[in-house]
Amino acid sequence: MKSWQKPGRARAGKNRSTMTQSRQSNAQFANPLDDPSATTLTAGDLEAVFLPAHGMLGVSLRHQGVEILRRLQHLEAAAAKGSTTGIPFLYPWANRLAGHRYEAAGQTAELDPASPLLHFDANGLPMHGVPWSHLAWDIMEARQDRLTAGLDWSSAERLAVFPFRHRLTMTASLQADSLTLETEVLAGKQGPVPVSFGFHPYIGVPGLPRAEWCLTLPAMRRLVLDQRGIPTGREEAYSGLNGPLGARDFDDGFALAGERAAFCIAGAGRGIFVELLEGFANAQVFAPKDADYIAFEPMTAPANALVSGEGLRLVEPGGRFRAAFRIRIGSNA
């Protein structure tokens, strides 16, 4: 595993000292998927590892040598099953669709239940778009604290799932106290591109039982869901929360008051913040009561937006859409 720059695409300026530091840092991380593109970023007390050839999946975020991410134990099985783990990119839709057919931006998609590019929930509904293990990104730039990769959505297989030609870029940048992920959609000239993607970062407070984590949620509007987890179109006021996670059980969708919002779990002197910076209008909070993790999921649209049209934004031909969020580690004092 190594950090490297794609020939002819990356910027110059990575000196020998930086390359040596990256190799040494990479050597400390096991690479169970044997991904030759695996790249480690370092800055201050933080170290992050991404797998561009496997969906730009974030598979490690360590603070002072301690892992912050969760559900990392069985990456091979997750890759085979299409399960989420670490920091997965959910594309072209986050959460679930109400059926196997949708119409958006003048195009119709009929999803094939037998397609290996699809993953389904327990009710047989398409879930989280194309699994990360089926999306190989190309590295455009790799530096000690920054990684940029690109993905072309132009193959027949991908267009059968999401019939909109476009290109994606994602940049992971590390600072001394935070990891920022910026995603950009560049629409092709053929037509507009719907935006309904998201992320599903699994995090946990190291060295502290789940029940003792202090959970902070902002004031939002809770989406009323049906029994399948599909928004009904109704919303309820949610005043936020600041208290122990305890035995609370979350799998709730929310509409944000604005594009900037912050979520936090804290304990044992450490606060882990998921801060939505730009482009995300919705969020999902997922915390099964018997699991040692929580996920604050940034979403550019509510669940089922490709089917319902609710909250669905379009990138006009040749236009760009940008979304960004960060995971910041601080004190919970």
Protein backbone atom coordinates (compact mmCIF):
# COMPACT_ATOMS: atom_id res chain seq x y z
CA MET A 1 0.00 0.00 0.00
CA LYS A 2 1.32 3.42 -0.84
CA SER A 3 0.53 7.06 -1.34
CA TRP A 4 1.21 8.14 -4.88
CA GLN A 5 0.35 10.58 -7.65
CA LYS A 6 -1.27 9.44 -10.86
CA PRO A 7 1.23 10.14 -13.67
CA GLY A 8 0.37 13.19 -15.73
CA ARG A 9 -2.64 14.19 -13.58
CA ALA A 10 -1.29 15.13 -10.18
CA ARG A 11 0.29 18.37 -9.16
CA ALA A 12 3.98 18.62 -8.65
CA GLY A 13 5.61 19.39 -5.36
CA LYS A 14 5.56 16.23 -3.27
CA ASN A 15 9.09 16.09 -1.89
CA ARG A 16 11.08 13.02 -0.92
CA SER A 17 10.57 13.66 2.81
CA THR A 18 6.77 13.72 2.38
CA MET A 19 6.79 10.53 0.29
CA THR A 20 8.90 8.78 2.93
CA GLN A 21 6.51 9.85 5.69
CA SER A 22 3.53 8.54 3.66
CA ARG A 23 5.16 5.15 3.09
CA GLN A 24 6.03 4.80 6.76
CA SER A 25 2.50 5.73 7.79
CA ASN A 26 0.93 3.36 5.25
CA ALA A 27 3.03 0.49 6.55
CA GLN A 28 1.22 0.75 9.90
CA PHE A 29 -2.20 0.04 8.37
CA ALA A 30 -3.32 -3.45 7.39
CA ASN A 31 -4.81 -3.64 3.89
CA PRO A 32 -7.24 -6.58 3.98
CA LEU A 33 -8.63 -5.79 0.50
CA ASP A 34 -5.11 -5.65 -1.00
CA ASP A 35 -5.98 -2.35 -2.64
CA PRO A 36 -2.85 -1.02 -4.39
CA SER A 37 -4.37 2.47 -4.40
CA ALA A 38 -4.76 2.59 -0.60
CA THR A 39 -3.61 6.02 0.55
CA THR A 40 -2.82 7.31 4.03
CA LEU A 41 -3.12 10.97 4.96
CA THR A 42 -1.47 12.47 8.04
CA ALA A 43 -1.74 15.83 9.82
CA GLY A 44 -1.11 16.60 13.47
CA ASP A 45 -2.72 13.95 15.68
CA LEU A 46 -4.84 12.55 12.85
CA GLU A 47 -4.25 9.78 10.31
CA ALA A 48 -6.80 8.68 7.68
CA VAL A 49 -6.79 5.87 5.12
CA PHE A 50 -8.84 5.76 1.91
CA LEU A 51 -9.26 3.08 -0.77
CA PRO A 52 -9.83 4.84 -4.12
CA ALA A 53 -10.11 1.56 -6.05
CA HIS A 54 -12.87 0.51 -3.65
CA GLY A 55 -15.29 3.42 -3.82
CA MET A 56 -13.01 6.01 -2.12
CA LEU A 57 -14.00 4.20 1.06
CA GLY A 58 -12.60 5.67 4.27
CA VAL A 59 -11.30 2.69 6.25
CA SER A 60 -9.47 4.40 9.10
CA LEU A 61 -9.48 7.67 11.01
CA ARG A 62 -7.15 7.58 13.97
CA HIS A 63 -6.78 10.29 16.59
CA GLN A 64 -3.60 10.02 18.62
CA GLY A 65 -3.31 6.45 17.36
CA VAL A 66 -6.85 5.44 18.42
CA GLU A 67 -9.46 4.40 15.83
CA ILE A 68 -12.56 6.60 15.58
CA LEU A 69 -14.37 4.75 12.76
CA ARG A 70 -16.53 1.67 13.29
CA ARG A 71 -17.71 -1.47 11.46
CA LEU A 72 -14.22 -2.15 10.09
CA GLN A 73 -13.77 -5.73 11.25
CA HIS A 74 -14.95 -7.58 8.14
CA LEU A 75 -14.15 -5.47 5.08
CA GLU A 76 -13.93 -8.47 2.74
CA ALA A 77 -17.43 -9.62 3.70
CA ALA A 78 -18.79 -6.07 3.45
CA ALA A 79 -17.31 -5.72 -0.04
CA ALA A 80 -18.91 -8.99 -1.15
CA LYS A 81 -22.33 -8.21 0.33
CA GLY A 82 -22.45 -4.50 -0.54
CA SER A 83 -22.65 -3.51 3.12
CA THR A 84 -21.64 -0.10 4.44
CA THR A 85 -18.57 0.30 6.65
CA GLY A 86 -16.13 3.02 7.73
CA ILE A 87 -16.94 6.15 5.69
CA PRO A 88 -18.81 4.96 2.58
CA PHE A 89 -19.97 7.21 -0.25
CA LEU A 90 -23.63 6.50 -1.06
CA TYR A 91 -24.15 7.01 -4.78
CA PRO A 92 -26.19 7.82 -6.80
CA TRP A 93 -28.72 7.84 -3.98
CA ALA A 94 -28.49 7.71 -0.20
CA ASN A 95 -30.86 5.56 1.84
CA ARG A 96 -33.62 3.69 -0.04
CA LEU A 97 -35.97 4.02 -2.97
CA ALA A 98 -39.64 3.02 -2.76
CA GLY A 99 -39.41 0.79 -5.83
CA HIS A 100 -37.34 -0.43 -8.77
CA ARG A 101 -38.42 2.34 -11.14
CA TYR A 102 -37.93 6.08 -11.07
CA GLU A 103 -38.33 9.07 -13.38
CA ALA A 104 -36.15 12.14 -12.94
CA ALA A 105 -34.84 14.96 -15.12
CA GLY A 106 -36.59 13.56 -18.19
CA GLN A 107 -35.11 10.07 -17.87
CA THR A 108 -36.61 6.78 -16.70
CA ALA A 109 -34.67 4.02 -14.96
CA GLU A 110 -35.91 0.45 -14.57
CA LEU A 111 -33.64 -1.18 -11.99
CA ASP A 112 -32.79 -4.84 -12.51
CA PRO A 113 -33.12 -6.77 -9.21
CA ALA A 114 -30.45 -9.18 -10.49
CA SER A 115 -27.88 -6.47 -11.17
CA PRO A 116 -24.62 -6.86 -9.21
CA LEU A 117 -24.47 -3.06 -9.08
CA LEU A 118 -27.43 -2.89 -6.70
CA HIS A 119 -27.94 -3.61 -3.03
CA PHE A 120 -31.35 -4.17 -1.42
CA ASP A 121 -32.75 -3.84 2.08
CA ALA A 122 -34.79 -6.46 3.94
CA ASN A 123 -37.93 -5.35 2.09
CA GLY A 124 -36.29 -5.71 -1.31
CA LEU A 125 -35.95 -1.95 -1.83
CA PRO A 126 -32.87 -0.52 -3.59
CA MET A 127 -30.53 0.76 -0.87
CA HIS A 128 -27.62 3.22 -1.00
CA GLY A 129 -27.12 3.12 -4.78
CA VAL A 130 -24.16 1.22 -6.22
CA PRO A 131 -22.09 -0.54 -3.52
CA TRP A 132 -18.70 1.09 -2.89
CA SER A 133 -16.84 -2.08 -3.88
CA HIS A 134 -18.07 -1.66 -7.49
CA LEU A 135 -16.85 1.91 -7.97
CA ALA A 136 -13.15 2.26 -8.77
CA TRP A 137 -11.95 5.85 -8.61
CA ASP A 138 -8.84 7.22 -10.34
CA ILE A 139 -6.33 9.09 -8.20
CA MET A 140 -5.79 12.59 -9.51
CA GLU A 141 -3.56 13.91 -6.73
CA ALA A 142 -2.05 12.45 -3.55
CA ARG A 143 -0.14 14.47 -0.98
CA GLN A 144 0.62 13.92 2.67
CA ASP A 145 -2.58 15.61 3.82
CA ARG A 146 -4.77 15.61 0.70
CA LEU A 147 -6.20 13.08 -1.77
CA THR A 148 -8.29 13.86 -4.86
CA ALA A 149 -9.89 11.17 -7.02
CA GLY A 150 -12.29 11.15 -9.97
CA LEU A 151 -14.99 8.86 -11.31
CA ASP A 152 -16.63 8.96 -14.75
CA TRP A 153 -20.30 7.96 -14.88
CA SER A 154 -20.44 6.90 -18.51
CA SER A 155 -20.36 3.10 -18.76
CA ALA A 156 -23.46 1.22 -19.92
CA GLU A 157 -23.66 -0.65 -16.59
CA ARG A 158 -23.66 2.53 -14.53
CA LEU A 159 -26.04 4.34 -16.86
CA ALA A 160 -28.52 1.45 -16.49
CA VAL A 161 -28.72 2.32 -12.78
CA PHE A 162 -28.52 6.12 -13.11
CA PRO A 163 -28.97 7.30 -16.73
CA PHE A 164 -27.15 10.63 -16.46
CA ARG A 165 -23.67 11.18 -17.88
CA HIS A 166 -21.40 13.13 -15.55
CA ARG A 167 -18.10 13.12 -13.70
CA LEU A 168 -17.45 13.07 -9.96
CA THR A 169 -14.46 14.33 -8.02
CA MET A 170 -13.87 13.81 -4.33
CA THR A 171 -11.19 15.43 -2.20
CA ALA A 172 -10.27 14.21 1.26
CA SER A 173 -8.16 16.74 3.13
CA LEU A 174 -6.74 16.33 6.60
CA GLN A 175 -5.94 19.08 9.08
CA ALA A 176 -4.56 18.75 12.59
CA ASP A 177 -8.04 18.32 14.07
CA SER A 178 -10.36 17.38 11.20
CA LEU A 179 -11.02 15.39 8.03
CA THR A 180 -12.96 17.22 5.30
CA LEU A 181 -14.64 15.48 2.36
CA GLU A 182 -15.62 17.62 -0.63
CA THR A 183 -17.62 16.11 -3.50
CA GLU A 184 -18.30 17.76 -6.83
CA VAL A 185 -20.67 16.69 -9.60
CA LEU A 186 -19.86 17.95 -13.10
CA ALA A 187 -22.86 17.40 -15.36
CA GLY A 188 -22.34 16.33 -18.94
CA LYS A 189 -23.68 18.33 -21.85
CA GLN A 190 -26.40 15.76 -22.62
CA GLY A 191 -28.79 16.84 -19.87
CA PRO A 192 -29.29 17.71 -16.20
CA VAL A 193 -28.12 15.40 -13.40
CA PRO A 194 -30.23 14.79 -10.25
CA VAL A 195 -28.41 15.08 -6.92
CA SER A 196 -29.37 12.64 -4.17
CA PHE A 197 -26.09 11.25 -2.81
CA GLY A 198 -24.79 11.08 0.74
CA PHE A 199 -22.28 9.57 3.15
CA HIS A 200 -22.63 7.12 6.04
CA PRO A 201 -19.73 7.66 8.48
CA TYR A 202 -19.75 5.14 11.35
CA ILE A 203 -18.09 6.59 14.45
CA GLY A 204 -17.72 5.81 18.13
CA VAL A 205 -16.10 7.21 21.28
CA PRO A 206 -13.02 5.08 22.07
CA GLY A 207 -12.78 3.50 25.48
CA LEU A 208 -16.29 4.37 26.65
CA PRO A 209 -19.49 2.28 26.65
CA ARG A 210 -22.12 3.42 24.16
CA ALA A 211 -24.64 4.25 26.89
CA GLU A 212 -22.24 6.85 28.31
CA TRP A 213 -21.69 8.75 25.07
CA CYS A 214 -23.08 12.28 25.21
CA LEU A 215 -25.15 12.93 22.09
CA THR A 216 -25.82 16.39 20.68
CA LEU A 217 -28.28 16.89 17.83
CA PRO A 218 -29.40 20.27 16.41
CA ALA A 219 -32.97 21.44 16.02
CA MET A 220 -34.36 20.03 12.77
CA ARG A 221 -37.56 18.76 11.18
CA ARG A 222 -38.10 15.02 11.56
CA LEU A 223 -39.41 13.27 8.46
CA VAL A 224 -42.35 10.99 9.16
CA LEU A 225 -41.54 7.58 7.65
CA ASP A 226 -43.74 4.66 6.68
CA GLN A 227 -43.04 1.09 7.81
CA ARG A 228 -40.50 0.67 5.01
CA GLY A 229 -38.49 3.72 6.01
CA ILE A 230 -39.84 5.85 3.13
CA PRO A 231 -40.78 9.49 3.87
CA THR A 232 -44.54 10.05 3.78
CA GLY A 233 -44.25 13.78 2.98
CA ARG A 234 -45.14 14.86 6.51
CA GLU A 235 -42.67 16.49 8.92
CA GLU A 236 -42.56 17.09 12.67
CA ALA A 237 -40.66 19.68 14.67
CA TYR A 238 -37.59 18.31 16.45
CA SER A 239 -36.05 20.53 19.12
CA GLY A 240 -32.69 18.76 19.25
CA LEU A 241 -30.96 16.77 21.98
CA ASN A 242 -28.08 17.13 24.41
CA GLY A 243 -27.70 14.18 26.75
CA PRO A 244 -26.51 10.60 27.15
CA LEU A 245 -27.17 8.21 24.27
CA GLY A 246 -28.14 5.58 26.80
CA ALA A 247 -30.47 2.95 25.32
CA ARG A 248 -31.86 5.29 22.67
CA ASP A 249 -32.42 3.74 19.26
CA PHE A 250 -32.22 5.93 16.14
CA ASP A 251 -33.00 5.39 12.47
CA ASP A 252 -34.49 8.78 11.71
CA GLY A 253 -34.46 11.09 8.72
CA PHE A 254 -34.35 14.86 9.13
CA ALA A 255 -34.63 18.02 7.07
CA LEU A 256 -32.04 20.59 8.16
CA ALA A 257 -32.78 24.20 9.02
CA GLY A 258 -29.88 25.24 6.77
CA GLU A 259 -26.93 23.73 4.92
CA ARG A 260 -24.67 24.13 7.97
CA ALA A 261 -25.36 21.84 10.91
CA ALA A 262 -23.32 20.03 13.56
CA PHE A 263 -23.80 16.66 15.26
CA CYS A 264 -21.64 15.33 18.09
CA ILE A 265 -20.87 12.41 20.34
CA ALA A 266 -18.52 12.99 23.25
CA GLY A 267 -17.00 11.36 26.28
CA ALA A 268 -13.71 10.45 27.97
CA GLY A 269 -12.32 13.89 27.14
CA ARG A 270 -12.93 13.61 23.40
CA GLY A 271 -15.66 15.10 21.20
CA ILE A 272 -16.33 13.80 17.69
CA PHE A 273 -18.21 16.30 15.54
CA VAL A 274 -19.78 15.72 12.13
CA GLU A 275 -20.20 19.18 10.63
CA LEU A 276 -22.17 19.74 7.43
CA LEU A 277 -20.62 22.67 5.58
CA GLU A 278 -22.25 22.96 2.16
CA GLY A 279 -24.71 21.22 -0.16
CA PHE A 280 -26.40 18.89 2.32
CA ALA A 281 -30.07 19.59 3.01
CA ASN A 282 -30.91 16.42 4.94
CA ALA A 283 -29.42 14.00 7.42
CA GLN A 284 -30.09 10.56 8.82
CA VAL A 285 -29.20 9.57 12.38
CA PHE A 286 -28.60 5.84 12.71
CA ALA A 287 -27.77 4.29 16.09
CA PRO A 288 -29.10 0.78 16.76
CA LYS A 289 -29.32 0.32 20.52
CA ASP A 290 -27.31 -2.92 20.47
CA ALA A 291 -24.42 -1.52 18.37
CA ASP A 292 -21.25 0.30 19.45
CA TYR A 293 -21.50 2.98 16.77
CA ILE A 294 -23.57 5.90 15.57
CA ALA A 295 -23.83 7.33 12.08
CA PHE A 296 -24.58 10.97 11.32
CA GLU A 297 -25.32 10.74 7.60
CA PRO A 298 -25.06 13.86 5.42
CA MET A 299 -27.58 13.68 2.55
CA THR A 300 -28.11 16.01 -0.40
CA ALA A 301 -31.78 14.98 -0.62
CA PRO A 302 -34.23 12.99 1.49
CA ALA A 303 -34.64 9.26 1.06
CA ASN A 304 -36.60 8.27 -2.06
CA ALA A 305 -36.05 11.67 -3.72
CA LEU A 306 -35.43 10.10 -7.14
CA VAL A 307 -38.91 8.56 -6.98
CA SER A 308 -40.87 11.27 -5.14
CA GLY A 309 -39.05 14.32 -6.50
CA GLU A 310 -39.18 15.84 -3.00
CA GLY A 311 -36.11 17.95 -2.30
CA LEU A 312 -34.43 16.77 -5.51
CA ARG A 313 -32.01 19.27 -7.04
CA LEU A 314 -30.69 19.20 -10.59
CA VAL A 315 -27.28 20.13 -11.97
CA GLU A 316 -27.85 21.80 -15.31
CA PRO A 317 -25.89 20.58 -18.38
CA GLY A 318 -22.25 21.59 -18.00
CA GLY A 319 -22.91 22.83 -14.47
CA ARG A 320 -21.36 21.87 -11.13
CA PHE A 321 -22.70 20.95 -7.72
CA ARG A 322 -20.53 20.87 -4.60
CA ALA A 323 -21.13 19.39 -1.16
CA ALA A 324 -18.76 19.25 1.82
CA PHE A 325 -18.68 17.99 5.39
CA ARG A 326 -16.01 17.32 7.97
CA ILE A 327 -15.34 15.08 10.94
CA ARG A 328 -13.65 17.12 13.62
CA ILE A 329 -12.04 15.81 16.80
CA GLY A 330 -11.98 18.15 19.79
CA SER A 331 -12.42 18.32 23.52
CA ASN A 332 -15.78 17.62 25.15
CA ALA A 333 -14.96 19.91 28.04
